[in-house]
Amino acid sequence: MTDNGVPPQYSHDPQNPYGAPNPYAAQNPYGAPNPYAAPNPYAAPAPGPAAFEVPEKWRSRFDFFSRYGQPASSPEATAAFKQLSFGQRMRLGANGPAFFFGPIYFAIKGPWRKGLSLFGLSFVVGFIIALIEYALNFTFPPAAYGAAIGALYSSTANWAYFLHVTRGSTSWNPYEGTPLFRRKS
């Protein structure tokens, strides 16, 4: 264990991927530089929105994400998110075109891998709901399927696009960098 409680094999604290990098990850046990250490793309803060060529409507989102990270990633981010107006929170946390166009929107914006992952996840969710319907002999309204899948795409689109533009993310994980549970503020 290191002084911050992170095992030395991790290049970052798994509980706080946006925090300071583990100082021992780039070194071997004897303190010499480790030539095999992978760079941590989340260790350094992202450049501000002015550093990237994005439309004006994305600048406020990029500004928030580059300053605080994901809204649920830290108590500071949660507090800053709560300070925003309702409209600003909706623009930051949801994406209308992604709700209606799903994987097509992801393919056009760039993080197509995440869009395909969500497409596969939507089939799994649909299959589970179909099993529940069959077991309970009950039918959900067809619009409920579309709304649930649209919410899945909408809630991940902004953060996925931010990672694609600022970090060059090519991950298949649509929840990359998103904490599993919201931290207490």
N, C-alpha and C. Protein backbone atom coordinates (compact mmCIF):
# COMPACT_ATOMS: atom_id res chain seq x y z
N MET A 1 0.84 -1.19 0.00
CA MET A 1 0.00 0.00 0.00
C MET A 1 0.88 1.25 0.00
N THR A 2 0.41 2.26 -0.66
CA THR A 2 1.12 3.53 -0.69
C THR A 2 0.57 4.43 0.41
N ASP A 3 1.11 5.63 0.50
CA ASP A 3 0.66 6.55 1.55
C ASP A 3 -0.79 7.00 1.37
N ASN A 4 -1.35 6.93 0.15
CA ASN A 4 -2.75 7.30 -0.04
C ASN A 4 -3.67 6.10 -0.07
N GLY A 5 -3.17 4.90 0.28
CA GLY A 5 -4.00 3.72 0.39
C GLY A 5 -4.30 3.04 -0.93
N VAL A 6 -3.60 3.40 -2.00
CA VAL A 6 -3.84 2.80 -3.31
C VAL A 6 -2.74 1.79 -3.57
N PRO A 7 -3.08 0.57 -3.98
CA PRO A 7 -2.03 -0.39 -4.31
C PRO A 7 -1.12 0.16 -5.41
N PRO A 8 0.18 -0.12 -5.34
CA PRO A 8 1.11 0.49 -6.30
C PRO A 8 0.89 0.07 -7.74
N GLN A 9 0.19 -1.04 -8.02
CA GLN A 9 0.01 -1.44 -9.41
C GLN A 9 -0.99 -0.56 -10.15
N TYR A 10 -1.82 0.21 -9.42
CA TYR A 10 -2.78 1.08 -10.08
C TYR A 10 -2.11 2.40 -10.45
N SER A 11 -2.42 2.88 -11.64
CA SER A 11 -1.85 4.16 -12.06
C SER A 11 -2.68 5.32 -11.52
N HIS A 12 -3.86 5.01 -10.95
CA HIS A 12 -4.72 6.04 -10.40
C HIS A 12 -5.54 5.43 -9.26
N ASP A 13 -6.11 6.26 -8.45
CA ASP A 13 -6.97 5.80 -7.37
C ASP A 13 -8.29 5.34 -7.99
N PRO A 14 -8.65 4.04 -7.89
CA PRO A 14 -9.88 3.58 -8.54
C PRO A 14 -11.14 4.21 -7.98
N GLN A 15 -11.09 4.73 -6.77
CA GLN A 15 -12.25 5.38 -6.17
C GLN A 15 -12.39 6.82 -6.66
N ASN A 16 -11.31 7.42 -7.12
CA ASN A 16 -11.34 8.80 -7.59
C ASN A 16 -10.49 8.91 -8.85
N PRO A 17 -11.02 8.52 -10.02
CA PRO A 17 -10.20 8.50 -11.23
C PRO A 17 -9.76 9.87 -11.72
N TYR A 18 -10.32 10.95 -11.18
CA TYR A 18 -9.95 12.28 -11.63
C TYR A 18 -8.99 12.95 -10.67
N GLY A 19 -8.63 12.29 -9.61
CA GLY A 19 -7.73 12.85 -8.62
C GLY A 19 -6.29 12.77 -9.08
N ALA A 20 -5.40 13.05 -8.16
CA ALA A 20 -3.97 13.01 -8.46
C ALA A 20 -3.55 11.57 -8.76
N PRO A 21 -2.62 11.39 -9.68
CA PRO A 21 -2.19 10.04 -9.99
C PRO A 21 -1.40 9.43 -8.83
N ASN A 22 -1.35 8.12 -8.79
CA ASN A 22 -0.57 7.42 -7.79
C ASN A 22 0.90 7.71 -8.06
N PRO A 23 1.64 8.28 -7.10
CA PRO A 23 3.02 8.67 -7.38
C PRO A 23 3.95 7.48 -7.62
N TYR A 24 3.54 6.29 -7.24
CA TYR A 24 4.40 5.13 -7.40
C TYR A 24 4.13 4.34 -8.66
N ALA A 25 3.10 4.69 -9.39
CA ALA A 25 2.73 3.90 -10.57
C ALA A 25 3.77 4.01 -11.67
N ALA A 26 4.41 5.13 -11.80
CA ALA A 26 5.40 5.32 -12.86
C ALA A 26 6.79 4.90 -12.41
N GLN A 27 6.88 4.27 -11.22
CA GLN A 27 8.17 3.83 -10.72
C GLN A 27 8.11 2.35 -10.40
N ASN A 28 9.27 1.72 -10.47
CA ASN A 28 9.32 0.34 -10.03
C ASN A 28 9.51 0.32 -8.52
N PRO A 29 9.54 -0.85 -7.88
CA PRO A 29 9.66 -0.88 -6.41
C PRO A 29 10.91 -0.21 -5.87
N TYR A 30 11.93 0.00 -6.70
CA TYR A 30 13.16 0.61 -6.23
C TYR A 30 13.23 2.11 -6.50
N GLY A 31 12.17 2.67 -7.03
CA GLY A 31 12.12 4.11 -7.26
C GLY A 31 12.56 4.55 -8.64
N ALA A 32 13.02 3.62 -9.47
CA ALA A 32 13.44 3.98 -10.83
C ALA A 32 12.21 4.13 -11.71
N PRO A 33 12.29 4.93 -12.77
CA PRO A 33 11.14 5.09 -13.66
C PRO A 33 10.73 3.75 -14.27
N ASN A 34 9.46 3.56 -14.40
CA ASN A 34 8.91 2.34 -14.97
C ASN A 34 8.59 2.60 -16.44
N PRO A 35 9.35 2.03 -17.36
CA PRO A 35 9.09 2.31 -18.78
C PRO A 35 7.81 1.68 -19.29
N TYR A 36 7.21 0.77 -18.53
CA TYR A 36 6.00 0.09 -18.97
C TYR A 36 4.74 0.71 -18.39
N ALA A 37 4.87 1.74 -17.57
CA ALA A 37 3.70 2.36 -16.94
C ALA A 37 2.86 3.05 -18.01
N ALA A 38 1.58 2.73 -18.02
CA ALA A 38 0.67 3.36 -18.98
C ALA A 38 0.27 4.74 -18.47
N PRO A 39 0.19 5.71 -19.35
CA PRO A 39 -0.26 7.02 -18.90
C PRO A 39 -1.73 6.98 -18.48
N ASN A 40 -2.07 7.75 -17.48
CA ASN A 40 -3.44 7.80 -16.98
C ASN A 40 -4.14 8.98 -17.64
N PRO A 41 -5.10 8.74 -18.52
CA PRO A 41 -5.75 9.86 -19.21
C PRO A 41 -6.63 10.71 -18.30
N TYR A 42 -6.97 10.22 -17.11
CA TYR A 42 -7.84 10.97 -16.21
C TYR A 42 -7.05 11.71 -15.14
N ALA A 43 -5.73 11.54 -15.09
CA ALA A 43 -4.95 12.13 -14.01
C ALA A 43 -4.86 13.65 -14.14
N ALA A 44 -4.63 14.14 -15.32
CA ALA A 44 -4.50 15.58 -15.51
C ALA A 44 -5.87 16.18 -15.83
N PRO A 45 -6.11 17.40 -15.38
CA PRO A 45 -7.39 18.01 -15.72
C PRO A 45 -7.49 18.22 -17.23
N ALA A 46 -8.69 18.15 -17.71
CA ALA A 46 -8.92 18.34 -19.14
C ALA A 46 -8.74 19.81 -19.48
N PRO A 47 -8.26 20.09 -20.67
CA PRO A 47 -8.17 21.49 -21.09
C PRO A 47 -9.55 22.13 -21.11
N GLY A 48 -9.58 23.42 -20.97
CA GLY A 48 -10.85 24.15 -20.98
C GLY A 48 -11.53 24.07 -22.32
N PRO A 49 -12.79 24.48 -22.38
CA PRO A 49 -13.55 24.36 -23.63
C PRO A 49 -13.00 25.23 -24.75
N ALA A 50 -12.27 26.28 -24.42
CA ALA A 50 -11.72 27.15 -25.46
C ALA A 50 -10.63 26.44 -26.25
N ALA A 51 -10.03 25.39 -25.67
CA ALA A 51 -8.95 24.68 -26.36
C ALA A 51 -9.47 23.78 -27.47
N PHE A 52 -10.76 23.57 -27.54
CA PHE A 52 -11.34 22.68 -28.54
C PHE A 52 -12.34 23.44 -29.39
N GLU A 53 -12.47 23.00 -30.62
CA GLU A 53 -13.41 23.62 -31.55
C GLU A 53 -14.75 22.92 -31.42
N VAL A 54 -15.59 23.43 -30.50
CA VAL A 54 -16.92 22.86 -30.30
C VAL A 54 -17.94 23.98 -30.45
N PRO A 55 -19.16 23.64 -30.83
CA PRO A 55 -20.20 24.66 -30.94
C PRO A 55 -20.45 25.36 -29.60
N GLU A 56 -21.02 26.53 -29.67
CA GLU A 56 -21.26 27.34 -28.47
C GLU A 56 -22.13 26.62 -27.45
N LYS A 57 -23.12 25.87 -27.89
CA LYS A 57 -24.01 25.20 -26.93
C LYS A 57 -23.28 24.14 -26.12
N TRP A 58 -22.13 23.65 -26.61
CA TRP A 58 -21.36 22.65 -25.87
C TRP A 58 -20.36 23.28 -24.91
N ARG A 59 -20.06 24.56 -25.06
CA ARG A 59 -19.01 25.18 -24.23
C ARG A 59 -19.33 25.15 -22.74
N SER A 60 -20.58 25.39 -22.37
CA SER A 60 -20.93 25.37 -20.94
C SER A 60 -20.81 23.95 -20.39
N ARG A 61 -21.18 22.97 -21.18
CA ARG A 61 -21.05 21.57 -20.74
C ARG A 61 -19.58 21.21 -20.58
N PHE A 62 -18.77 21.57 -21.57
CA PHE A 62 -17.35 21.26 -21.50
C PHE A 62 -16.69 22.00 -20.34
N ASP A 63 -17.12 23.22 -20.10
CA ASP A 63 -16.56 23.99 -18.99
C ASP A 63 -16.84 23.28 -17.67
N PHE A 64 -18.06 22.84 -17.45
CA PHE A 64 -18.41 22.15 -16.22
C PHE A 64 -17.63 20.84 -16.10
N PHE A 65 -17.63 20.04 -17.18
CA PHE A 65 -16.94 18.75 -17.13
C PHE A 65 -15.44 18.91 -16.92
N SER A 66 -14.82 19.90 -17.56
CA SER A 66 -13.38 20.07 -17.39
C SER A 66 -13.04 20.60 -16.01
N ARG A 67 -13.94 21.34 -15.41
CA ARG A 67 -13.68 21.88 -14.07
C ARG A 67 -13.97 20.87 -12.97
N TYR A 68 -15.08 20.13 -13.08
CA TYR A 68 -15.52 19.25 -12.00
C TYR A 68 -15.53 17.77 -12.35
N GLY A 69 -15.52 17.42 -13.62
CA GLY A 69 -15.69 16.02 -13.99
C GLY A 69 -17.16 15.68 -14.06
N GLN A 70 -17.45 14.41 -13.98
CA GLN A 70 -18.84 13.93 -13.97
C GLN A 70 -19.56 14.52 -12.76
N PRO A 71 -20.83 14.95 -12.88
CA PRO A 71 -21.53 15.58 -11.75
C PRO A 71 -21.59 14.73 -10.48
N ALA A 72 -21.51 13.42 -10.59
CA ALA A 72 -21.57 12.57 -9.40
C ALA A 72 -20.19 12.13 -8.92
N SER A 73 -19.12 12.65 -9.51
CA SER A 73 -17.79 12.14 -9.22
C SER A 73 -17.20 12.63 -7.90
N SER A 74 -17.63 13.73 -7.39
CA SER A 74 -17.07 14.25 -6.15
C SER A 74 -18.10 15.14 -5.45
N PRO A 75 -17.91 15.38 -4.15
CA PRO A 75 -18.84 16.28 -3.47
C PRO A 75 -18.84 17.70 -4.06
N GLU A 76 -17.68 18.14 -4.54
CA GLU A 76 -17.61 19.48 -5.15
C GLU A 76 -18.42 19.53 -6.44
N ALA A 77 -18.31 18.47 -7.24
CA ALA A 77 -19.07 18.41 -8.49
C ALA A 77 -20.56 18.35 -8.21
N THR A 78 -20.95 17.59 -7.21
CA THR A 78 -22.37 17.49 -6.86
C THR A 78 -22.90 18.83 -6.37
N ALA A 79 -22.11 19.52 -5.54
CA ALA A 79 -22.53 20.83 -5.04
C ALA A 79 -22.63 21.84 -6.18
N ALA A 80 -21.67 21.82 -7.11
CA ALA A 80 -21.71 22.74 -8.25
C ALA A 80 -22.91 22.42 -9.14
N PHE A 81 -23.21 21.14 -9.31
CA PHE A 81 -24.36 20.73 -10.13
C PHE A 81 -25.66 21.22 -9.50
N LYS A 82 -25.76 21.15 -8.18
CA LYS A 82 -26.97 21.61 -7.49
C LYS A 82 -27.15 23.12 -7.56
N GLN A 83 -26.07 23.85 -7.77
CA GLN A 83 -26.13 25.31 -7.87
C GLN A 83 -26.65 25.78 -9.22
N LEU A 84 -26.66 24.90 -10.20
CA LEU A 84 -27.14 25.27 -11.53
C LEU A 84 -28.66 25.37 -11.54
N SER A 85 -29.17 26.14 -12.48
CA SER A 85 -30.63 26.22 -12.64
C SER A 85 -31.15 24.90 -13.21
N PHE A 86 -32.46 24.71 -13.17
CA PHE A 86 -33.06 23.47 -13.67
C PHE A 86 -32.72 23.26 -15.14
N GLY A 87 -32.82 24.30 -15.94
CA GLY A 87 -32.51 24.19 -17.37
C GLY A 87 -31.06 23.83 -17.61
N GLN A 88 -30.15 24.43 -16.85
CA GLN A 88 -28.73 24.11 -17.01
C GLN A 88 -28.45 22.66 -16.61
N ARG A 89 -29.10 22.19 -15.55
CA ARG A 89 -28.92 20.80 -15.14
C ARG A 89 -29.44 19.84 -16.20
N MET A 90 -30.57 20.19 -16.81
CA MET A 90 -31.12 19.34 -17.87
C MET A 90 -30.19 19.31 -19.08
N ARG A 91 -29.64 20.46 -19.47
CA ARG A 91 -28.72 20.51 -20.61
C ARG A 91 -27.44 19.73 -20.33
N LEU A 92 -27.00 19.74 -19.08
CA LEU A 92 -25.78 19.06 -18.71
C LEU A 92 -25.99 17.55 -18.58
N GLY A 93 -27.13 17.14 -18.03
CA GLY A 93 -27.37 15.73 -17.74
C GLY A 93 -28.13 14.96 -18.79
N ALA A 94 -28.75 15.63 -19.75
CA ALA A 94 -29.55 14.93 -20.76
C ALA A 94 -29.27 15.52 -22.13
N ASN A 95 -29.58 14.75 -23.15
CA ASN A 95 -29.33 15.18 -24.52
C ASN A 95 -30.52 14.77 -25.38
N GLY A 96 -31.27 15.74 -25.85
CA GLY A 96 -32.49 15.48 -26.62
C GLY A 96 -32.27 14.68 -27.89
N PRO A 97 -31.34 15.09 -28.77
CA PRO A 97 -31.14 14.31 -29.99
C PRO A 97 -30.72 12.87 -29.71
N ALA A 98 -29.93 12.65 -28.67
CA ALA A 98 -29.52 11.28 -28.33
C ALA A 98 -30.72 10.47 -27.85
N PHE A 99 -31.67 11.12 -27.18
CA PHE A 99 -32.88 10.43 -26.72
C PHE A 99 -33.66 9.87 -27.91
N PHE A 100 -33.79 10.68 -28.97
CA PHE A 100 -34.61 10.27 -30.12
C PHE A 100 -33.85 9.43 -31.15
N PHE A 101 -32.54 9.67 -31.31
CA PHE A 101 -31.82 9.02 -32.40
C PHE A 101 -30.79 7.99 -31.94
N GLY A 102 -30.52 7.89 -30.65
CA GLY A 102 -29.68 6.86 -30.05
C GLY A 102 -28.37 6.58 -30.74
N PRO A 103 -28.19 5.35 -31.29
CA PRO A 103 -26.89 4.99 -31.85
C PRO A 103 -26.51 5.82 -33.07
N ILE A 104 -27.49 6.33 -33.79
CA ILE A 104 -27.17 7.19 -34.95
C ILE A 104 -26.50 8.48 -34.46
N TYR A 105 -27.01 9.05 -33.38
CA TYR A 105 -26.43 10.26 -32.81
C TYR A 105 -24.99 10.00 -32.37
N PHE A 106 -24.76 8.88 -31.69
CA PHE A 106 -23.41 8.55 -31.23
C PHE A 106 -22.48 8.36 -32.42
N ALA A 107 -22.96 7.74 -33.49
CA ALA A 107 -22.12 7.53 -34.67
C ALA A 107 -21.76 8.85 -35.34
N ILE A 108 -22.69 9.78 -35.39
CA ILE A 108 -22.43 11.07 -36.02
C ILE A 108 -21.47 11.91 -35.18
N LYS A 109 -21.66 11.92 -33.86
CA LYS A 109 -20.83 12.75 -32.98
C LYS A 109 -19.44 12.18 -32.77
N GLY A 110 -19.27 10.87 -32.93
CA GLY A 110 -17.93 10.30 -32.81
C GLY A 110 -17.76 9.13 -31.87
N PRO A 111 -18.37 9.08 -30.69
CA PRO A 111 -18.15 7.92 -29.81
C PRO A 111 -19.02 6.73 -30.20
N TRP A 112 -18.84 6.24 -31.42
CA TRP A 112 -19.69 5.18 -31.95
C TRP A 112 -19.56 3.88 -31.18
N ARG A 113 -18.39 3.62 -30.58
CA ARG A 113 -18.23 2.39 -29.81
C ARG A 113 -19.18 2.37 -28.61
N LYS A 114 -19.26 3.49 -27.93
CA LYS A 114 -20.17 3.59 -26.80
C LYS A 114 -21.62 3.44 -27.27
N GLY A 115 -21.94 3.99 -28.43
CA GLY A 115 -23.28 3.85 -28.99
C GLY A 115 -23.63 2.40 -29.29
N LEU A 116 -22.67 1.66 -29.83
CA LEU A 116 -22.92 0.24 -30.10
C LEU A 116 -23.07 -0.55 -28.80
N SER A 117 -22.28 -0.20 -27.80
CA SER A 117 -22.41 -0.87 -26.50
C SER A 117 -23.79 -0.62 -25.91
N LEU A 118 -24.26 0.61 -25.99
CA LEU A 118 -25.60 0.92 -25.48
C LEU A 118 -26.67 0.22 -26.31
N PHE A 119 -26.43 0.06 -27.60
CA PHE A 119 -27.37 -0.65 -28.46
C PHE A 119 -27.50 -2.11 -28.00
N GLY A 120 -26.37 -2.74 -27.71
CA GLY A 120 -26.41 -4.10 -27.18
C GLY A 120 -27.06 -4.16 -25.81
N LEU A 121 -26.78 -3.18 -24.97
CA LEU A 121 -27.39 -3.12 -23.65
C LEU A 121 -28.90 -2.94 -23.76
N SER A 122 -29.34 -2.20 -24.77
CA SER A 122 -30.79 -2.01 -24.94
C SER A 122 -31.48 -3.33 -25.29
N PHE A 123 -30.80 -4.20 -26.05
CA PHE A 123 -31.38 -5.51 -26.33
C PHE A 123 -31.48 -6.35 -25.06
N VAL A 124 -30.46 -6.27 -24.22
CA VAL A 124 -30.48 -7.02 -22.96
C VAL A 124 -31.62 -6.52 -22.08
N VAL A 125 -31.77 -5.20 -21.96
CA VAL A 125 -32.85 -4.63 -21.15
C VAL A 125 -34.20 -5.05 -21.72
N GLY A 126 -34.35 -4.99 -23.02
CA GLY A 126 -35.61 -5.40 -23.66
C GLY A 126 -35.92 -6.87 -23.41
N PHE A 127 -34.90 -7.72 -23.46
CA PHE A 127 -35.09 -9.14 -23.21
C PHE A 127 -35.52 -9.40 -21.77
N ILE A 128 -34.90 -8.70 -20.83
CA ILE A 128 -35.27 -8.86 -19.41
C ILE A 128 -36.70 -8.39 -19.18
N ILE A 129 -37.07 -7.28 -19.79
CA ILE A 129 -38.44 -6.78 -19.63
C ILE A 129 -39.43 -7.78 -20.26
N ALA A 130 -39.06 -8.36 -21.39
CA ALA A 130 -39.93 -9.35 -22.03
C ALA A 130 -40.10 -10.59 -21.14
N LEU A 131 -39.03 -11.01 -20.49
CA LEU A 131 -39.13 -12.14 -19.56
C LEU A 131 -40.05 -11.82 -18.39
N ILE A 132 -39.94 -10.61 -17.87
CA ILE A 132 -40.80 -10.19 -16.76
C ILE A 132 -42.26 -10.17 -17.22
N GLU A 133 -42.49 -9.65 -18.42
CA GLU A 133 -43.86 -9.63 -18.96
C GLU A 133 -44.42 -11.04 -19.11
N TYR A 134 -43.60 -11.92 -19.62
CA TYR A 134 -44.05 -13.30 -19.82
C TYR A 134 -44.33 -13.98 -18.48
N ALA A 135 -43.44 -13.79 -17.51
CA ALA A 135 -43.59 -14.44 -16.20
C ALA A 135 -44.81 -13.92 -15.45
N LEU A 136 -45.08 -12.63 -15.58
CA LEU A 136 -46.21 -12.03 -14.84
C LEU A 136 -47.48 -11.95 -15.67
N ASN A 137 -47.41 -12.38 -16.93
CA ASN A 137 -48.55 -12.29 -17.84
C ASN A 137 -49.12 -10.88 -17.87
N PHE A 138 -48.21 -9.93 -18.05
CA PHE A 138 -48.54 -8.52 -18.05
C PHE A 138 -47.81 -7.88 -19.21
N THR A 139 -48.38 -6.85 -19.80
CA THR A 139 -47.73 -6.18 -20.92
C THR A 139 -47.52 -4.71 -20.59
N PHE A 140 -46.27 -4.27 -20.70
CA PHE A 140 -45.96 -2.86 -20.55
C PHE A 140 -46.35 -2.14 -21.84
N PRO A 141 -46.69 -0.87 -21.77
CA PRO A 141 -46.96 -0.11 -23.00
C PRO A 141 -45.70 -0.06 -23.88
N PRO A 142 -45.84 -0.21 -25.17
CA PRO A 142 -44.67 -0.19 -26.06
C PRO A 142 -43.84 1.09 -25.94
N ALA A 143 -44.48 2.21 -25.64
CA ALA A 143 -43.74 3.46 -25.51
C ALA A 143 -42.78 3.42 -24.32
N ALA A 144 -43.06 2.57 -23.33
CA ALA A 144 -42.18 2.47 -22.16
C ALA A 144 -40.81 1.94 -22.57
N TYR A 145 -40.78 0.99 -23.52
CA TYR A 145 -39.50 0.49 -24.01
C TYR A 145 -38.68 1.63 -24.62
N GLY A 146 -39.33 2.38 -25.51
CA GLY A 146 -38.63 3.47 -26.19
C GLY A 146 -38.16 4.54 -25.23
N ALA A 147 -38.96 4.88 -24.25
CA ALA A 147 -38.57 5.90 -23.28
C ALA A 147 -37.39 5.43 -22.43
N ALA A 148 -37.41 4.17 -22.02
CA ALA A 148 -36.32 3.65 -21.20
C ALA A 148 -35.02 3.62 -21.99
N ILE A 149 -35.06 3.18 -23.22
CA ILE A 149 -33.85 3.11 -24.04
C ILE A 149 -33.39 4.51 -24.41
N GLY A 150 -34.32 5.42 -24.70
CA GLY A 150 -33.95 6.81 -25.00
C GLY A 150 -33.28 7.47 -23.81
N ALA A 151 -33.76 7.20 -22.60
CA ALA A 151 -33.14 7.76 -21.40
C ALA A 151 -31.73 7.21 -21.21
N LEU A 152 -31.53 5.97 -21.58
CA LEU A 152 -30.20 5.35 -21.49
C LEU A 152 -29.21 6.10 -22.39
N TYR A 153 -29.60 6.36 -23.63
CA TYR A 153 -28.73 7.10 -24.55
C TYR A 153 -28.57 8.56 -24.12
N SER A 154 -29.66 9.18 -23.74
CA SER A 154 -29.65 10.60 -23.41
C SER A 154 -28.77 10.92 -22.21
N SER A 155 -28.78 10.05 -21.22
CA SER A 155 -28.04 10.33 -19.99
C SER A 155 -26.54 10.12 -20.15
N THR A 156 -26.09 9.41 -21.16
CA THR A 156 -24.66 9.16 -21.33
C THR A 156 -24.03 9.97 -22.47
N ALA A 157 -24.81 10.59 -23.31
CA ALA A 157 -24.29 11.21 -24.53
C ALA A 157 -23.34 12.37 -24.26
N ASN A 158 -23.67 13.28 -23.36
CA ASN A 158 -22.84 14.46 -23.14
C ASN A 158 -21.47 14.08 -22.61
N TRP A 159 -21.44 13.22 -21.61
CA TRP A 159 -20.16 12.81 -21.02
C TRP A 159 -19.34 12.01 -22.04
N ALA A 160 -19.97 11.15 -22.82
CA ALA A 160 -19.26 10.37 -23.83
C ALA A 160 -18.66 11.28 -24.90
N TYR A 161 -19.41 12.30 -25.31
CA TYR A 161 -18.88 13.22 -26.32
C TYR A 161 -17.73 14.05 -25.74
N PHE A 162 -17.85 14.45 -24.48
CA PHE A 162 -16.77 15.19 -23.82
C PHE A 162 -15.50 14.36 -23.80
N LEU A 163 -15.59 13.10 -23.40
CA LEU A 163 -14.41 12.23 -23.36
C LEU A 163 -13.85 12.00 -24.76
N HIS A 164 -14.73 11.89 -25.74
CA HIS A 164 -14.28 11.69 -27.12
C HIS A 164 -13.48 12.89 -27.62
N VAL A 165 -13.95 14.08 -27.35
CA VAL A 165 -13.29 15.28 -27.86
C VAL A 165 -12.03 15.61 -27.06
N THR A 166 -12.13 15.59 -25.72
CA THR A 166 -11.01 16.05 -24.91
C THR A 166 -9.95 14.99 -24.67
N ARG A 167 -10.34 13.75 -24.53
CA ARG A 167 -9.39 12.69 -24.20
C ARG A 167 -9.12 11.75 -25.37
N GLY A 168 -9.88 11.88 -26.44
CA GLY A 168 -9.72 10.97 -27.57
C GLY A 168 -10.13 9.55 -27.19
N SER A 169 -11.13 9.42 -26.34
CA SER A 169 -11.55 8.12 -25.83
C SER A 169 -12.07 7.23 -26.95
N THR A 170 -11.59 6.00 -26.98
CA THR A 170 -12.07 4.99 -27.92
C THR A 170 -12.59 3.77 -27.16
N SER A 171 -13.00 3.96 -25.94
CA SER A 171 -13.49 2.87 -25.10
C SER A 171 -14.87 2.41 -25.54
N TRP A 172 -15.16 1.15 -25.30
CA TRP A 172 -16.48 0.60 -25.55
C TRP A 172 -17.39 0.78 -24.36
N ASN A 173 -16.85 1.21 -23.23
CA ASN A 173 -17.61 1.38 -22.00
C ASN A 173 -18.39 2.69 -22.03
N PRO A 174 -19.73 2.65 -22.12
CA PRO A 174 -20.49 3.90 -22.18
C PRO A 174 -20.50 4.64 -20.85
N TYR A 175 -20.11 3.98 -19.78
CA TYR A 175 -20.08 4.61 -18.46
C TYR A 175 -18.66 4.86 -18.00
N GLU A 176 -17.75 5.04 -18.94
CA GLU A 176 -16.35 5.29 -18.64
C GLU A 176 -16.21 6.56 -17.79
N GLY A 177 -15.51 6.43 -16.68
CA GLY A 177 -15.28 7.58 -15.81
C GLY A 177 -16.46 7.96 -14.94
N THR A 178 -17.55 7.24 -15.01
CA THR A 178 -18.73 7.52 -14.21
C THR A 178 -18.68 6.70 -12.95
N PRO A 179 -18.83 7.32 -11.78
CA PRO A 179 -18.81 6.53 -10.56
C PRO A 179 -20.03 5.62 -10.47
N LEU A 180 -19.84 4.48 -9.82
CA LEU A 180 -20.92 3.51 -9.69
C LEU A 180 -22.04 4.04 -8.80
N PHE A 181 -21.66 4.71 -7.72
CA PHE A 181 -22.61 5.26 -6.80
C PHE A 181 -22.32 6.75 -6.61
N ARG A 182 -23.36 7.54 -6.42
CA ARG A 182 -23.20 8.97 -6.19
C ARG A 182 -22.58 9.17 -4.82
N ARG A 183 -21.56 10.02 -4.76
CA ARG A 183 -20.89 10.30 -3.49
C ARG A 183 -21.70 11.27 -2.68
N LYS A 184 -21.60 11.12 -1.39
CA LYS A 184 -22.32 12.01 -0.46
C LYS A 184 -21.65 13.39 -0.47
N SER A 185 -22.47 14.43 -0.44
CA SER A 185 -21.89 15.78 -0.45
C SER A 185 -21.86 16.38 0.93
